[in-house]
C-alpha atoms as a PDB file:
ATOM      1  CA  MET A   1     -62.796 -87.634 -80.767  1.00  0.00           C
ATOM      2  CA  LYS A   2     -61.633 -84.350 -80.535  1.00  0.00           C
ATOM      3  CA  LYS A   3     -57.706 -83.633 -79.936  1.00  0.00           C
ATOM      4  CA  ARG A   4     -56.819 -81.519 -76.865  1.00  0.00           C
ATOM      5  CA  PRO A   5     -54.410 -78.355 -77.923  1.00  0.00           C
ATOM      6  CA  ASP A   6     -50.847 -78.993 -76.606  1.00  0.00           C
ATOM      7  CA  ILE A   7     -49.585 -76.979 -73.802  1.00  0.00           C
ATOM      8  CA  ARG A   8     -46.594 -75.677 -75.094  1.00  0.00           C
ATOM      9  CA  THR A   9     -48.170 -74.458 -78.659  1.00  0.00           C
ATOM     10  CA  VAL A  10     -50.283 -72.238 -76.384  1.00  0.00           C
ATOM     11  CA  ILE A  11     -47.654 -70.699 -74.499  1.00  0.00           C
ATOM     12  CA  GLY A  12     -45.573 -70.172 -77.394  1.00  0.00           C
ATOM     13  CA  SER A  13     -48.268 -68.190 -79.280  1.00  0.00           C
ATOM     14  CA  VAL A  14     -48.603 -66.217 -76.015  1.00  0.00           C
ATOM     15  CA  VAL A  15     -44.794 -64.942 -76.226  1.00  0.00           C
ATOM     16  CA  LEU A  16     -44.765 -64.159 -79.746  1.00  0.00           C
ATOM     17  CA  PHE A  17     -48.039 -61.922 -79.319  1.00  0.00           C
ATOM     18  CA  LEU A  18     -46.300 -60.557 -76.706  1.00  0.00           C
ATOM     19  CA  VAL A  19     -43.265 -59.606 -78.399  1.00  0.00           C
ATOM     20  CA  ALA A  20     -44.938 -58.093 -81.582  1.00  0.00           C
ATOM     21  CA  ALA A  21     -46.757 -56.445 -79.484  1.00  0.00           C
ATOM     22  CA  ALA A  22     -43.371 -54.670 -78.148  1.00  0.00           C
ATOM     23  CA  ILE A  23     -41.854 -53.887 -81.142  1.00  0.00           C
ATOM     24  CA  CYS A  24     -45.292 -52.145 -82.250  1.00  0.00           C
ATOM     25  CA  VAL A  25     -45.421 -50.023 -79.323  1.00  0.00           C
ATOM     26  CA  PHE A  26     -41.761 -49.204 -79.710  1.00  0.00           C
ATOM     27  CA  GLY A  27     -41.620 -48.804 -83.127  1.00  0.00           C
ATOM     28  CA  TYR A  28     -44.751 -46.499 -82.955  1.00  0.00           C
ATOM     29  CA  ARG A  29     -42.874 -44.220 -80.139  1.00  0.00           C
ATOM     30  CA  VAL A  30     -39.942 -43.940 -82.229  1.00  0.00           C
ATOM     31  CA  ILE A  31     -41.962 -42.688 -85.234  1.00  0.00           C
ATOM     32  CA  VAL A  32     -43.523 -40.420 -82.946  1.00  0.00           C
ATOM     33  CA  LYS A  33     -41.067 -38.801 -81.590  1.00  0.00           C
ATOM     34  CA  ALA A  34     -39.211 -38.520 -84.209  1.00  0.00           C
ATOM     35  CA  LYS A  35     -41.819 -36.418 -86.250  1.00  0.00           C
ATOM     36  CA  GLU A  36     -41.431 -39.071 -89.049  1.00  0.00           C
ATOM     37  CA  LEU A  37     -43.929 -40.706 -91.263  1.00  0.00           C
ATOM     38  CA  PRO A  38     -45.402 -43.311 -90.240  1.00  0.00           C
ATOM     39  CA  GLY A  39     -43.544 -46.625 -91.663  1.00  0.00           C
ATOM     40  CA  LYS A  40     -40.589 -45.044 -91.682  1.00  0.00           C
ATOM     41  CA  LEU A  41     -37.914 -45.814 -89.383  1.00  0.00           C
ATOM     42  CA  SER A  42     -35.546 -42.922 -87.864  1.00  0.00           C
ATOM     43  CA  SER A  43     -31.683 -43.280 -87.137  1.00  0.00           C
ATOM     44  CA  VAL A  44     -30.237 -44.197 -83.500  1.00  0.00           C
ATOM     45  CA  SER A  45     -28.688 -40.716 -83.775  1.00  0.00           C
ATOM     46  CA  ILE A  46     -32.041 -39.119 -84.658  1.00  0.00           C
ATOM     47  CA  ALA A  47     -33.314 -40.228 -81.921  1.00  0.00           C
ATOM     48  CA  ALA A  48     -30.496 -39.384 -79.994  1.00  0.00           C
ATOM     49  CA  ASP A  49     -30.607 -35.647 -80.545  1.00  0.00           C
ATOM     50  CA  ASN A  50     -34.245 -35.511 -80.257  1.00  0.00           C
ATOM     51  CA  LEU A  51     -33.953 -37.446 -76.782  1.00  0.00           C
ATOM     52  CA  ASP A  52     -31.712 -34.662 -75.839  1.00  0.00           C
ATOM     53  CA  GLN A  53     -33.534 -31.681 -76.963  1.00  0.00           C
ATOM     54  CA  HIS A  54     -36.290 -33.062 -74.995  1.00  0.00           C
ATOM     55  CA  VAL A  55     -34.187 -32.678 -71.817  1.00  0.00           C
ATOM     56  CA  ARG A  56     -32.737 -29.023 -72.696  1.00  0.00           C
ATOM     57  CA  ASP A  57     -36.556 -28.295 -72.975  1.00  0.00           C
ATOM     58  CA  VAL A  58     -37.480 -29.435 -69.390  1.00  0.00           C
ATOM     59  CA  THR A  59     -34.357 -27.404 -68.053  1.00  0.00           C
ATOM     60  CA  PRO A  60     -34.458 -24.617 -69.291  1.00  0.00           C
ATOM     61  CA  PHE A  61     -32.070 -22.728 -66.730  1.00  0.00           C
ATOM     62  CA  ARG A  62     -28.828 -23.823 -64.997  1.00  0.00           C
ATOM     63  CA  LYS A  63     -26.975 -22.645 -61.387  1.00  0.00           C
ATOM     64  CA  VAL A  64     -24.803 -19.637 -62.061  1.00  0.00           C
ATOM     65  CA  SER A  65     -21.718 -19.330 -59.952  1.00  0.00           C
ATOM     66  CA  TYR A  66     -21.180 -17.017 -57.471  1.00  0.00           C
ATOM     67  CA  ASP A  67     -17.763 -15.298 -59.784  1.00  0.00           C
ATOM     68  CA  THR A  68     -20.606 -15.130 -62.461  1.00  0.00           C
ATOM     69  CA  MET A  69     -23.011 -13.026 -60.222  1.00  0.00           C
ATOM     70  CA  LYS A  70     -20.474 -10.951 -59.038  1.00  0.00           C
ATOM     71  CA  TYR A  71     -18.563  -9.963 -62.059  1.00  0.00           C
ATOM     72  CA  GLY A  72     -20.736 -11.490 -65.077  1.00  0.00           C
ATOM     73  CA  TYR A  73     -20.076 -13.573 -67.621  1.00  0.00           C
ATOM     74  CA  MET A  74     -16.252 -12.767 -68.147  1.00  0.00           C
ATOM     75  CA  GLU A  75     -13.297 -15.437 -68.846  1.00  0.00           C
ATOM     76  CA  ASP A  76     -11.550 -17.356 -66.043  1.00  0.00           C
ATOM     77  CA  MET A  77      -8.388 -15.235 -66.075  1.00  0.00           C
ATOM     78  CA  MET A  78     -10.697 -11.833 -65.971  1.00  0.00           C
ATOM     79  CA  VAL A  79     -12.249 -13.702 -62.871  1.00  0.00           C
ATOM     80  CA  LEU A  80      -8.636 -14.734 -61.454  1.00  0.00           C
ATOM     81  CA  ARG A  81      -7.493 -11.053 -61.456  1.00  0.00           C
ATOM     82  CA  MET A  82     -10.508  -9.887 -60.156  1.00  0.00           C
ATOM     83  CA  ASN A  83     -10.529 -11.761 -57.379  1.00  0.00           C
ATOM     84  CA  THR A  84      -6.454 -11.561 -56.563  1.00  0.00           C
ATOM     85  CA  ILE A  85      -7.514  -7.872 -56.623  1.00  0.00           C
ATOM     86  CA  ASP A  86     -10.011  -8.019 -54.190  1.00  0.00           C
ATOM     87  CA  GLU A  87      -7.758 -10.050 -52.077  1.00  0.00           C
ATOM     88  CA  TYR A  88      -5.112  -7.539 -52.017  1.00  0.00           C
ATOM     89  CA  TYR A  89      -7.353  -4.534 -51.112  1.00  0.00           C
ATOM     90  CA  GLU A  90      -8.752  -6.776 -48.331  1.00  0.00           C
ATOM     91  CA  SER A  91      -5.528  -7.719 -47.194  1.00  0.00           C
ATOM     92  CA  GLU A  92      -4.707  -4.300 -47.419  1.00  0.00           C
ATOM     93  CA  GLN A  93      -7.481  -3.006 -45.563  1.00  0.00           C
ATOM     94  CA  MET A  94      -7.106  -5.442 -42.888  1.00  0.00           C
ATOM     95  CA  GLU A  95      -3.649  -4.163 -41.959  1.00  0.00           C
ATOM     96  CA  GLU A  96      -4.634  -0.752 -41.850  1.00  0.00           C
ATOM     97  CA  ILE A  97      -7.361  -1.848 -39.250  1.00  0.00           C
ATOM     98  CA  ARG A  98      -4.715  -3.748 -37.329  1.00  0.00           C
ATOM     99  CA  ALA A  99      -2.342  -0.762 -37.680  1.00  0.00           C
ATOM    100  CA  VAL A 100      -4.681   1.482 -35.879  1.00  0.00           C
ATOM    101  CA  ASN A 101      -5.617  -0.971 -33.548  1.00  0.00           C
ATOM    102  CA  ASN A 102      -1.914  -1.204 -32.591  1.00  0.00           C
ATOM    103  CA  LEU A 103      -1.548   2.084 -32.284  1.00  0.00           C
ATOM    104  CA  THR A 104      -4.479   2.710 -30.283  1.00  0.00           C
ATOM    105  CA  ALA A 105      -3.182  -0.159 -28.372  1.00  0.00           C
ATOM    106  CA  MET A 106       0.157   1.532 -27.912  1.00  0.00           C
ATOM    107  CA  SER A 107      -1.411   5.290 -27.055  1.00  0.00           C
ATOM    108  CA  GLU A 108      -3.737   4.035 -24.174  1.00  0.00           C
ATOM    109  CA  LYS A 109      -0.877   1.845 -22.975  1.00  0.00           C
ATOM    110  CA  THR A 110       1.466   5.168 -23.357  1.00  0.00           C
ATOM    111  CA  MET A 111      -1.169   7.363 -21.309  1.00  0.00           C
ATOM    112  CA  ASP A 112      -1.615   4.713 -18.740  1.00  0.00           C
ATOM    113  CA  LYS A 113       2.041   4.085 -18.186  1.00  0.00           C
ATOM    114  CA  ILE A 114       2.261   8.496 -17.973  1.00  0.00           C
ATOM    115  CA  ALA A 115      -0.563   8.471 -15.613  1.00  0.00           C
ATOM    116  CA  TYR A 116       1.308   5.835 -13.452  1.00  0.00           C
ATOM    117  CA  GLU A 117       4.594   7.796 -13.531  1.00  0.00           C
ATOM    118  CA  LYS A 118       2.576  10.964 -12.436  1.00  0.00           C
ATOM    119  CA  ALA A 119       0.484   9.022  -9.789  1.00  0.00           C
ATOM    120  CA  ARG A 120       3.861   8.186  -8.333  1.00  0.00           C
ATOM    121  CA  GLU A 121       6.039  11.063  -8.599  1.00  0.00           C
ATOM    122  CA  GLU A 122       2.946  13.126  -6.983  1.00  0.00           C
ATOM    123  CA  GLN A 123       2.858  10.329  -3.553  1.00  0.00           C
ATOM    124  CA  GLU A 124       6.760  10.504  -3.573  1.00  0.00           C
ATOM    125  CA  ALA A 125       6.825  14.157  -3.683  1.00  0.00           C
ATOM    126  CA  ILE A 126       3.819  14.155  -0.449  1.00  0.00           C
ATOM    127  CA  ASN A 127       5.958  11.318   0.857  1.00  0.00           C
ATOM    128  CA  GLN A 128       9.070  13.422   0.945  1.00  0.00           C
ATOM    129  CA  LYS A 129       7.365  16.600   2.336  1.00  0.00           C
ATOM    130  CA  LYS A 130       6.315  14.148   5.176  1.00  0.00           C
ATOM    131  CA  ARG A 131       9.480  13.053   6.228  1.00  0.00           C
ATOM    132  CA  ASP A 132      10.890  16.690   5.473  1.00  0.00           C
ATOM    133  CA  ALA A 133       8.331  18.057   8.086  1.00  0.00           C
ATOM    134  CA  ALA A 134       9.247  14.970  10.659  1.00  0.00           C
ATOM    135  CA  ILE A 135      12.897  15.419  10.106  1.00  0.00           C
ATOM    136  CA  ALA A 136      12.416  19.174  10.649  1.00  0.00           C
ATOM    137  CA  ALA A 137      10.018  18.848  13.934  1.00  0.00           C
ATOM    138  CA  GLU A 138      12.715  16.440  15.512  1.00  0.00           C
ATOM    139  CA  LEU A 139      15.470  19.337  14.730  1.00  0.00           C
ATOM    140  CA  ALA A 140      13.176  22.005  15.993  1.00  0.00           C
ATOM    141  CA  LYS A 141      12.343  19.631  19.205  1.00  0.00           C
ATOM    142  CA  GLN A 142      16.207  18.973  19.715  1.00  0.00           C
ATOM    143  CA  ALA A 143      17.470  22.466  19.107  1.00  0.00           C
ATOM    144  CA  LYS A 144      14.296  23.299  21.713  1.00  0.00           C
ATOM    145  CA  GLN A 145      15.762  20.969  24.408  1.00  0.00           C
ATOM    146  CA  ARG A 146      19.500  22.249  23.746  1.00  0.00           C
ATOM    147  CA  ALA A 147      18.482  25.629  24.283  1.00  0.00           C
ATOM    148  CA  ASP A 148      16.532  25.071  27.253  1.00  0.00           C
ATOM    149  CA  ALA A 149      19.086  22.862  28.850  1.00  0.00           C
ATOM    150  CA  GLN A 150      21.553  25.807  27.632  1.00  0.00           C
ATOM    151  CA  ARG A 151      19.571  28.298  29.371  1.00  0.00           C
ATOM    152  CA  LEU A 152      19.253  26.080  32.853  1.00  0.00           C
ATOM    153  CA  ALA A 153      22.822  25.319  32.772  1.00  0.00           C
ATOM    154  CA  ASN A 154      23.797  29.064  32.547  1.00  0.00           C
ATOM    155  CA  ALA A 155      21.452  29.892  35.392  1.00  0.00           C
ATOM    156  CA  GLN A 156      22.286  27.338  37.613  1.00  0.00           C
ATOM    157  CA  TYR A 157      25.909  28.290  37.082  1.00  0.00           C
ATOM    158  CA  SER A 158      25.332  32.063  37.216  1.00  0.00           C
ATOM    159  CA  TYR A 159      23.358  31.264  40.581  1.00  0.00           C
ATOM    160  CA  ALA A 160      26.171  29.391  41.610  1.00  0.00           C
ATOM    161  CA  ALA A 161      29.062  31.805  40.957  1.00  0.00           C
ATOM    162  CA  ASP A 162      26.782  34.581  42.923  1.00  0.00           C
ATOM    163  CA  SER A 163      26.517  32.442  45.897  1.00  0.00           C
ATOM    164  CA  GLY A 164      30.462  32.615  46.795  1.00  0.00           C
ATOM    165  CA  SER A 165      31.736  29.411  46.563  1.00  0.00           C
ATOM    166  CA  ASN A 166      35.199  29.998  47.990  1.00  0.00           C
ATOM    167  CA  SER A 167      34.158  31.940  50.703  1.00  0.00           C
ATOM    168  CA  ASP A 168      32.942  31.482  54.033  1.00  0.00           C
ATOM    169  CA  THR A 169      29.707  33.133  53.775  1.00  0.00           C
ATOM    170  CA  ALA A 170      27.799  32.810  51.218  1.00  0.00           C
ATOM    171  CA  SER A 171      26.905  36.711  48.620  1.00  0.00           C
ATOM    172  CA  ARG A 172      22.767  35.859  49.131  1.00  0.00           C
ATOM    173  CA  GLY A 173      22.780  34.571  52.925  1.00  0.00           C
ATOM    174  CA  GLY A 174      24.033  31.337  55.025  1.00  0.00           C
ATOM    175  CA  LYS A 175      27.300  30.490  56.074  1.00  0.00           C
ATOM    176  CA  LYS A 176      29.872  27.746  55.789  1.00  0.00           C
ATOM    177  CA  GLY A 177      29.989  25.251  58.360  1.00  0.00           C
ATOM    178  CA  GLU A 178      32.455  22.272  59.640  1.00  0.00           C
ATOM    179  CA  PRO A 179      31.525  18.553  59.765  1.00  0.00           C
ATOM    180  CA  VAL A 180      30.305  17.260  62.851  1.00  0.00           C
ATOM    181  CA  TYR A 181      31.260  13.266  63.044  1.00  0.00           C
ATOM    182  CA  ALA A 182      28.897  10.851  65.537  1.00  0.00           C
ATOM    183  CA  ALA A 183      30.486   8.197  67.364  1.00  0.00           C
ATOM    184  CA  THR A 184      27.539   6.716  67.909  1.00  0.00           C
ATOM    185  CA  THR A 185      24.308   6.712  66.952  1.00  0.00           C
ATOM    186  CA  GLY A 186      20.346   6.461  69.066  1.00  0.00           C
ATOM    187  CA  GLN A 187      17.240   5.231  67.048  1.00  0.00           C
ATOM    188  CA  SER A 188      16.449   4.656  63.257  1.00  0.00           C
ATOM    189  CA  LEU A 189      14.263   7.436  62.070  1.00  0.00           C
ATOM    190  CA  GLY A 190      13.682   5.046  58.551  1.00  0.00           C
ATOM    191  CA  LYS A 191      14.959   5.716  55.095  1.00  0.00           C
ATOM    192  CA  PHE A 192      14.441   9.349  54.286  1.00  0.00           C
ATOM    193  CA  VAL A 193      14.423  10.760  50.297  1.00  0.00           C
ATOM    194  CA  ILE A 194      17.599  13.439  51.027  1.00  0.00           C
ATOM    195  CA  THR A 195      17.925  16.300  48.722  1.00  0.00           C
ATOM    196  CA  ALA A 196      19.909  19.612  48.440  1.00  0.00           C
ATOM    197  CA  TYR A 197      19.041  23.053  47.986  1.00  0.00           C
ATOM    198  CA  CYS A 198      21.147  26.365  49.033  1.00  0.00           C
ATOM    199  CA  THR A 199      20.126  30.258  49.270  1.00  0.00           C
ATOM    200  CA  CYS A 200      19.541  30.919  45.424  1.00  0.00           C
ATOM    201  CA  ARG A 201      16.942  32.183  43.275  1.00  0.00           C
ATOM    202  CA  ILE A 202      16.272  28.779  42.012  1.00  0.00           C
ATOM    203  CA  CYS A 203      15.868  26.899  45.128  1.00  0.00           C
ATOM    204  CA  CYS A 204      14.329  29.444  47.469  1.00  0.00           C
ATOM    205  CA  GLY A 205      12.635  32.033  44.721  1.00  0.00           C
ATOM    206  CA  VAL A 206      11.224  34.578  46.854  1.00  0.00           C
ATOM    207  CA  TYR A 207      13.196  33.859  49.684  1.00  0.00           C
ATOM    208  CA  SER A 208      16.602  33.968  47.628  1.00  0.00           C
ATOM    209  CA  GLY A 209      18.966  35.846  50.098  1.00  0.00           C
ATOM    210  CA  ASN A 210      17.003  35.627  53.297  1.00  0.00           C
ATOM    211  CA  ASN A 211      19.992  35.079  55.335  1.00  0.00           C
ATOM    212  CA  ARG A 212      17.441  33.403  58.067  1.00  0.00           C
ATOM    213  CA  THR A 213      15.675  29.851  58.025  1.00  0.00           C
ATOM    214  CA  ALA A 214      12.216  29.207  59.221  1.00  0.00           C
ATOM    215  CA  SER A 215      13.502  28.535  62.861  1.00  0.00           C
ATOM    216  CA  GLY A 216      15.166  32.011  62.735  1.00  0.00           C
ATOM    217  CA  THR A 217      19.138  30.694  62.675  1.00  0.00           C
ATOM    218  CA  ILE A 218      21.100  31.590  60.027  1.00  0.00           C
ATOM    219  CA  PRO A 219      21.657  28.958  57.510  1.00  0.00           C
ATOM    220  CA  THR A 220      24.830  26.512  57.670  1.00  0.00           C
ATOM    221  CA  SER A 221      26.548  24.556  55.748  1.00  0.00           C
ATOM    222  CA  ASN A 222      27.392  21.013  56.967  1.00  0.00           C
ATOM    223  CA  ARG A 223      24.641  21.401  59.641  1.00  0.00           C
ATOM    224  CA  THR A 224      21.203  23.046  58.405  1.00  0.00           C
ATOM    225  CA  ILE A 225      18.543  20.451  57.165  1.00  0.00           C
ATOM    226  CA  ALA A 226      14.651  21.437  56.282  1.00  0.00           C
ATOM    227  CA  VAL A 227      12.598  18.851  57.330  1.00  0.00           C
ATOM    228  CA  ASP A 228       8.823  18.432  58.005  1.00  0.00           C
ATOM    229  CA  THR A 229       8.451  19.460  61.529  1.00  0.00           C
ATOM    230  CA  ASN A 230       5.533  17.080  62.041  1.00  0.00           C
ATOM    231  CA  VAL A 231       8.198  14.379  61.085  1.00  0.00           C
ATOM    232  CA  ILE A 232      11.005  15.945  62.851  1.00  0.00           C
ATOM    233  CA  PRO A 233      10.560  18.862  65.121  1.00  0.00           C
ATOM    234  CA  PHE A 234      13.009  21.586  64.811  1.00  0.00           C
ATOM    235  CA  GLY A 235      16.359  21.662  66.560  1.00  0.00           C
ATOM    236  CA  THR A 236      16.144  17.861  66.501  1.00  0.00           C
ATOM    237  CA  ARG A 237      19.648  16.348  65.873  1.00  0.00           C
ATOM    238  CA  VAL A 238      19.853  13.560  63.239  1.00  0.00           C
ATOM    239  CA  VAL A 239      22.978  11.304  61.841  1.00  0.00           C
ATOM    240  CA  ILE A 240      23.326  11.043  58.288  1.00  0.00           C
ATOM    241  CA  ASN A 241      26.075   9.191  56.774  1.00  0.00           C
ATOM    242  CA  GLY A 242      27.701   9.699  59.867  1.00  0.00           C
ATOM    243  CA  GLN A 243      27.562  13.071  60.215  1.00  0.00           C
ATOM    244  CA  VAL A 244      25.501  15.412  62.654  1.00  0.00           C
ATOM    245  CA  TYR A 245      23.021  17.697  61.192  1.00  0.00           C
ATOM    246  CA  VAL A 246      20.192  20.029  62.867  1.00  0.00           C
ATOM    247  CA  ALA A 247      16.906  20.689  61.723  1.00  0.00           C
ATOM    248  CA  GLU A 248      16.207  24.336  61.100  1.00  0.00           C
ATOM    249  CA  ASP A 249      14.852  25.135  58.309  1.00  0.00           C
ATOM    250  CA  ARG A 250      11.256  24.315  56.128  1.00  0.00           C
ATOM    251  CA  GLY A 251       9.840  24.338  52.951  1.00  0.00           C
ATOM    252  CA  GLY A 252       6.401  23.568  51.456  1.00  0.00           C
ATOM    253  CA  ALA A 253       7.759  20.767  49.067  1.00  0.00           C
ATOM    254  CA  ILE A 254       9.305  18.959  52.303  1.00  0.00           C
ATOM    255  CA  LYS A 255       6.676  16.433  53.549  1.00  0.00           C
ATOM    256  CA  GLY A 256       7.047  13.078  55.477  1.00  0.00           C
ATOM    257  CA  ASN A 257      10.215  11.315  55.003  1.00  0.00           C
ATOM    258  CA  ARG A 258      11.631  13.881  53.007  1.00  0.00           C
ATOM    259  CA  ILE A 259      14.948  15.952  53.831  1.00  0.00           C
ATOM    260  CA  ASP A 260      16.507  19.042  52.136  1.00  0.00           C
ATOM    261  CA  MET A 261      20.329  19.407  53.113  1.00  0.00           C
ATOM    262  CA  PHE A 262      21.862  23.352  53.018  1.00  0.00           C
ATOM    263  CA  PHE A 263      24.976  23.367  50.353  1.00  0.00           C
ATOM    264  CA  MET A 264      26.674  27.025  49.961  1.00  0.00           C
ATOM    265  CA  THR A 265      26.503  26.654  46.108  1.00  0.00           C
ATOM    266  CA  HIS A 266      23.957  25.739  43.620  1.00  0.00           C
ATOM    267  CA  ARG A 267      26.928  23.699  42.060  1.00  0.00           C
ATOM    268  CA  GLU A 268      27.424  21.792  45.778  1.00  0.00           C
ATOM    269  CA  ALA A 269      23.720  21.386  45.795  1.00  0.00           C
ATOM    270  CA  LEU A 270      23.195  19.719  41.945  1.00  0.00           C
ATOM    271  CA  GLN A 271      26.203  17.365  42.998  1.00  0.00           C
ATOM    272  CA  TRP A 272      24.847  16.013  45.869  1.00  0.00           C
ATOM    273  CA  GLY A 273      21.331  15.547  43.784  1.00  0.00           C
ATOM    274  CA  ARG A 274      18.759  12.962  45.281  1.00  0.00           C
ATOM    275  CA  LYS A 275      19.738   9.774  47.520  1.00  0.00           C
ATOM    276  CA  THR A 276      17.471   7.895  49.411  1.00  0.00           C
ATOM    277  CA  ILE A 277      19.699   7.089  53.341  1.00  0.00           C
ATOM    278  CA  GLU A 278      18.538   5.624  56.645  1.00  0.00           C
ATOM    279  CA  VAL A 279      18.605   8.543  59.237  1.00  0.00           C
ATOM    280  CA  TYR A 280      19.187   7.967  63.100  1.00  0.00           C
ATOM    281  CA  LEU A 281      18.802  10.239  65.961  1.00  0.00           C
ATOM    282  CA  ALA A 282      21.888  11.008  67.818  1.00  0.00           C
ATOM    283  CA  LYS A 283      23.013  10.893  71.194  1.00  0.00           C
END
């Protein structure tokens, strides 16, 4: 009977075959790459040199730095020096740019300030002219008022002087009378606005100096009054402040409850002024 082969023997044979095949392949690659004759083993150093040469052949170029492209292949000290010079000139250029910008900004700010000051001065000059004009107008107005008042006063006092305040008969007409007082009064005619006049030019205008009233009597102080004859007829005796007066004259401005009392001088008429008094019929 034929004997069966042992499994362990088979496995060992296969392993030996594979090891031998690997040795043959590795030895073949070393010999070929080292460009040596078959059968002669290369040293480890030769194999390493061949491997390094192979790598250099595969990578024929290497990365070039920025400094190399900028300055060429220089020494490190030269590159450092060139970088320092570039940085210096770049710093100088930046300083010049900053100085120019600062000068421009200062110039613009100065121009703006000058323009503002000029505009403010012009506006202040305009305002001052307006104030001066207003002050001048006010002074002129006050001067005119004073001049008008002075002319009126001069005219009034000159006419008053012409009326003969110290005589019984006014130089421009009329005569002085004695007051007559009423013991009793009659019916009330109501309240009247009572003003005063004389025979001067201010009071009578074109009728100045006329020695007759509208009713034909001589105007007499303490007696003659001008009335609206539709309200108080000529010859009516009335009581004003307890004194008896007679309606003997009239005037264009005397209408309604209005009475104009005759005085010898314009000064006396001014002193009377304008009063509102209740008027009664005399008994």
